[in-house]
C-alpha cells in the first residue's frame, strides 16, 4: 500500500507527487474561473449544499535525474512546441472537438512545467517513492481514454475532465488513492469518474470466461 504524505524534497530513486491547483488560478484564466464558480453554484444549489472551492490536479514524476509533468489542458493553452503531447480529445461535444478551440491534450512532458504552480494549495502531496509504480504510470499515459471533456460518456455518474486523467492514471497503475482528497474541504469534479472508469476496465479485463452449456 502506498503512503500519502506532504513533502517538498523528493528522496530516493523515484518520487510521484500530486499538485492541487485552484480552478482558474493565475493570469488569463478569468473565463475558467468565472465559469467554474457558476458551475459550482448551480451544482451546490441542486445538491442543497454550500458552494465549495474547485481544484484541478497535476502530477510530477521523478525517476533518478529524469522528471516529467503529467497534465490535461486545452491545446491552445501553451505555445511551447515540445510539451510531450501523447493524446488529444474533444471538449463539450465530439462535433465541437473538430475545432482546435474545443480540444484538450494529455501531456507526458519531460522536464515540463505546471502552469500556475505558484498557486498550488497544500502541495506537493507525496503519493509514492516506488520506481516500478512510477514507470507503470508513465507507460499508462498514452492509453488514457479520451472521452469528451465535460460529459459522462462512460456512465460513471460524473463529468470527464483533467481530474479524471490523474485519478485514472493513479488507479490504473496500482496506487492506493482512497485517502487522497482536495484541500480545504474543496472538490475535484471528475476525480471519481477516473477511478470508476479504471475499475470498469480492470473488471472487464479480469472477468472470468463464460462457460458454455455442456452437451
Protein backbone atom coordinates (compact mmCIF):
# COMPACT_ATOMS: atom_id res chain seq x y z
CA UNK A 1 0.00 0.00 0.00
CA UNK A 2 1.36 3.43 -0.91
CA UNK A 3 1.64 6.16 1.69
CA UNK A 4 0.28 9.66 1.15
CA UNK A 5 2.35 12.43 2.73
CA UNK A 6 3.24 16.06 2.05
CA UNK A 7 6.81 16.99 1.22
CA UNK A 8 8.80 19.45 -0.85
CA UNK A 9 12.01 17.45 -1.38
CA UNK A 10 11.88 14.09 -3.18
CA UNK A 11 14.02 11.34 -1.65
CA UNK A 12 15.30 8.08 -3.07
CA UNK A 13 15.33 6.99 -6.71
CA UNK A 14 11.72 7.93 -7.51
CA UNK A 15 9.06 10.37 -6.40
CA UNK A 16 5.46 10.71 -7.55
CA UNK A 17 3.78 13.91 -6.37
CA UNK A 18 0.32 15.41 -6.78
CA UNK A 19 -0.41 19.13 -7.06
CA UNK A 20 -3.78 20.75 -6.29
CA UNK A 21 -4.36 23.95 -8.28
CA UNK A 22 -7.40 26.18 -7.66
CA UNK A 23 -9.56 26.13 -10.79
CA UNK A 24 -8.85 29.22 -12.88
CA UNK A 25 -5.89 30.39 -10.80
CA UNK A 26 -3.39 32.75 -12.38
CA UNK A 27 -3.43 35.38 -15.09
CA UNK A 28 -5.57 34.99 -18.19
CA UNK A 29 -7.88 32.41 -16.60
CA UNK A 30 -10.79 34.70 -15.76
CA UNK A 31 -13.21 32.84 -18.03
CA UNK A 32 -12.30 29.46 -16.50
CA UNK A 33 -12.57 30.91 -13.00
CA UNK A 34 -15.98 32.53 -13.60
CA UNK A 35 -17.43 29.50 -15.40
CA UNK A 36 -16.15 27.27 -12.59
CA UNK A 37 -17.82 29.43 -9.96
CA UNK A 38 -21.06 29.37 -11.92
CA UNK A 39 -20.91 25.58 -12.33
CA UNK A 40 -20.26 25.04 -8.63
CA UNK A 41 -23.02 27.47 -7.61
CA UNK A 42 -25.51 25.55 -9.75
CA UNK A 43 -24.24 22.16 -8.52
CA UNK A 44 -24.45 23.29 -4.91
CA UNK A 45 -27.96 24.65 -5.43
CA UNK A 46 -29.11 21.35 -6.93
CA UNK A 47 -27.45 19.40 -4.12
CA UNK A 48 -28.78 21.59 -1.32
CA UNK A 49 -25.30 22.46 -0.01
CA UNK A 50 -22.89 25.37 0.20
CA UNK A 51 -20.55 26.01 -2.76
CA UNK A 52 -17.01 24.69 -2.36
CA UNK A 53 -13.63 25.58 -3.82
CA UNK A 54 -12.85 23.65 -7.02
CA UNK A 55 -9.43 22.15 -7.76
CA UNK A 56 -7.57 20.90 -10.82
CA UNK A 57 -4.82 18.29 -10.35
CA UNK A 58 -1.47 17.54 -11.99
CA UNK A 59 1.41 15.12 -11.37
CA UNK A 60 5.15 15.36 -11.22
CA UNK A 61 7.18 12.17 -11.61
CA UNK A 62 10.88 11.83 -10.88
CA UNK A 63 12.90 8.76 -11.85
CA UNK A 64 16.52 9.33 -10.96
CA UNK A 65 17.52 12.54 -12.73
CA UNK A 66 14.59 12.42 -15.16
CA UNK A 67 11.45 14.43 -14.42
CA UNK A 68 8.03 14.51 -16.04
CA UNK A 69 4.88 16.59 -15.68
CA UNK A 70 1.55 14.91 -16.43
CA UNK A 71 -1.46 17.12 -17.00
CA UNK A 72 -4.51 17.68 -19.21
CA UNK A 73 -5.03 21.15 -20.69
CA UNK A 74 -6.61 22.91 -23.69
CA UNK A 75 -4.44 22.52 -26.80
CA UNK A 76 -4.22 26.30 -27.14
CA UNK A 77 -3.03 26.90 -23.56
CA UNK A 78 0.69 26.64 -24.37
CA UNK A 79 2.83 27.74 -27.30
CA UNK A 80 5.82 25.60 -26.30
CA UNK A 81 6.25 23.17 -29.25
CA UNK A 82 7.70 20.13 -27.49
CA UNK A 83 5.46 19.61 -24.47
CA UNK A 84 5.06 15.85 -24.53
CA UNK A 85 1.56 15.60 -26.01
CA UNK A 86 0.51 11.94 -26.27
CA UNK A 87 -3.29 12.18 -26.63
CA UNK A 88 -5.98 14.64 -27.71
CA UNK A 89 -9.73 14.70 -27.19
CA UNK A 90 -12.83 16.89 -27.68
CA UNK A 91 -14.27 19.47 -25.28
CA UNK A 92 -18.04 19.86 -24.92
CA UNK A 93 -19.02 17.57 -27.79
CA UNK A 94 -17.44 15.39 -30.48
CA UNK A 95 -18.68 17.84 -33.10
CA UNK A 96 -17.15 20.87 -31.39
CA UNK A 97 -13.92 18.93 -30.97
CA UNK A 98 -13.23 19.25 -34.68
CA UNK A 99 -12.08 22.79 -33.94
CA UNK A 100 -8.81 23.45 -32.11
CA UNK A 101 -10.57 25.79 -29.70
CA UNK A 102 -12.56 22.83 -28.36
CA UNK A 103 -9.84 20.24 -27.95
CA UNK A 104 -7.72 19.16 -24.99
CA UNK A 105 -4.35 17.45 -24.87
CA UNK A 106 -2.75 15.00 -22.47
CA UNK A 107 0.87 15.78 -21.71
CA UNK A 108 3.65 13.50 -20.53
CA UNK A 109 6.16 16.29 -20.58
CA UNK A 110 9.79 15.55 -19.84
CA UNK A 111 11.35 18.44 -17.88
CA UNK A 112 7.97 20.14 -18.19
CA UNK A 113 6.28 22.83 -16.14
CA UNK A 114 2.94 23.09 -14.36
CA UNK A 115 1.32 26.39 -15.24
CA UNK A 116 0.43 28.48 -12.19
CA UNK A 117 2.16 26.03 -9.84
CA UNK A 118 2.81 29.02 -7.56
CA UNK A 119 -0.92 28.95 -6.71
CA UNK A 120 -0.93 25.27 -5.68
CA UNK A 121 -2.54 24.57 -2.30
CA UNK A 122 -1.17 22.09 0.26
CA UNK A 123 1.15 20.73 -2.41
CA UNK A 124 3.02 18.67 -3.37
CA UNK A 125 1.35 15.58 -1.96
CA UNK A 126 3.74 12.62 -1.95
CA UNK A 127 1.94 9.62 -3.46
CA UNK A 128 4.77 7.12 -3.87
CA UNK A 129 8.52 6.55 -3.99
CA UNK A 130 8.21 3.22 -5.80
CA UNK A 131 10.07 3.43 -9.15
CA UNK A 132 8.19 0.45 -10.61
CA UNK A 133 4.80 2.05 -9.95
CA UNK A 134 6.02 5.37 -11.35
CA UNK A 135 7.27 3.71 -14.53
CA UNK A 136 3.97 1.88 -14.86
CA UNK A 137 2.07 5.16 -14.52
CA UNK A 138 4.20 6.84 -17.19
CA UNK A 139 3.59 3.90 -19.53
CA UNK A 140 -0.17 4.23 -18.98
CA UNK A 141 -0.47 7.86 -20.12
CA UNK A 142 -0.88 7.15 -23.88
CA UNK A 143 -3.67 4.65 -23.05
CA UNK A 144 -5.85 7.27 -21.35
CA UNK A 145 -9.46 7.08 -22.63
CA UNK A 146 -10.05 10.38 -24.45
CA UNK A 147 -13.74 10.84 -23.73
CA UNK A 148 -15.37 14.23 -24.20
CA UNK A 149 -14.34 16.76 -21.57
CA UNK A 150 -17.42 17.87 -19.62
CA UNK A 151 -19.62 14.87 -20.47
CA UNK A 152 -20.24 11.47 -18.86
CA UNK A 153 -19.84 9.16 -21.86
CA UNK A 154 -18.74 6.21 -19.71
CA UNK A 155 -21.71 6.32 -17.36
CA UNK A 156 -19.60 6.96 -14.26
CA UNK A 157 -22.05 9.45 -12.77
CA UNK A 158 -19.62 12.36 -13.13
CA UNK A 159 -18.14 14.50 -15.90
CA UNK A 160 -14.85 13.56 -17.60
CA UNK A 161 -12.08 16.14 -17.23
CA UNK A 162 -8.49 16.80 -16.16
CA UNK A 163 -9.03 15.30 -12.70
CA UNK A 164 -10.27 12.12 -14.39
CA UNK A 165 -6.86 11.79 -16.07
CA UNK A 166 -4.97 11.94 -12.79
CA UNK A 167 -7.22 9.58 -10.81
CA UNK A 168 -7.43 7.14 -13.76
CA UNK A 169 -3.64 7.02 -14.05
CA UNK A 170 -3.12 6.54 -10.32
CA UNK A 171 -5.75 3.81 -10.04
CA UNK A 172 -4.75 2.03 -13.26
CA UNK A 173 -1.08 1.91 -12.25
CA UNK A 174 -1.84 0.29 -8.90
CA UNK A 175 -1.59 3.23 -6.49
CA UNK A 176 -3.75 3.37 -3.38
CA UNK A 177 -5.62 6.68 -3.64
CA UNK A 178 -8.54 6.17 -1.28
CA UNK A 179 -7.15 8.72 1.17
CA UNK A 180 -6.48 11.47 -1.39
CA UNK A 181 -8.86 14.42 -1.10
CA UNK A 182 -8.69 18.06 -2.26
CA UNK A 183 -7.53 20.62 0.31
CA UNK A 184 -9.75 22.82 2.50
CA UNK A 185 -12.85 20.64 2.04
CA UNK A 186 -12.81 21.55 -1.64
CA UNK A 187 -13.99 19.48 -4.60
CA UNK A 188 -12.26 17.96 -7.60
CA UNK A 189 -15.04 17.27 -10.14
CA UNK A 190 -14.16 14.34 -12.39
CA UNK A 191 -11.93 12.60 -9.84
CA UNK A 192 -14.41 9.82 -9.12
CA UNK A 193 -15.05 9.38 -12.85
CA UNK A 194 -11.42 8.38 -13.44
CA UNK A 195 -11.47 5.89 -10.58
CA UNK A 196 -14.77 4.35 -11.70
CA UNK A 197 -13.58 4.03 -15.30
CA UNK A 198 -10.39 2.32 -14.15
CA UNK A 199 -12.45 -0.16 -12.11
CA UNK A 200 -14.68 -0.81 -15.15
CA UNK A 201 -11.68 -1.59 -17.34
CA UNK A 202 -10.00 -3.82 -14.79
CA UNK A 203 -13.25 -5.71 -14.17
CA UNK A 204 -13.63 -6.30 -17.91
CA UNK A 205 -10.01 -7.45 -18.20
CA UNK A 206 -10.21 -9.95 -15.36
CA UNK A 207 -13.77 -11.14 -15.87
CA UNK A 208 -13.92 -14.97 -15.83
CA UNK A 209 -14.76 -16.60 -19.15
CA UNK A 210 -18.35 -17.65 -19.70
CA UNK A 211 -18.69 -21.42 -19.72
CA UNK A 212 -20.82 -22.92 -22.45
CA UNK A 213 -23.54 -25.48 -21.80
CA UNK A 214 -22.23 -29.00 -21.76
CA UNK A 215 -23.64 -31.26 -24.45
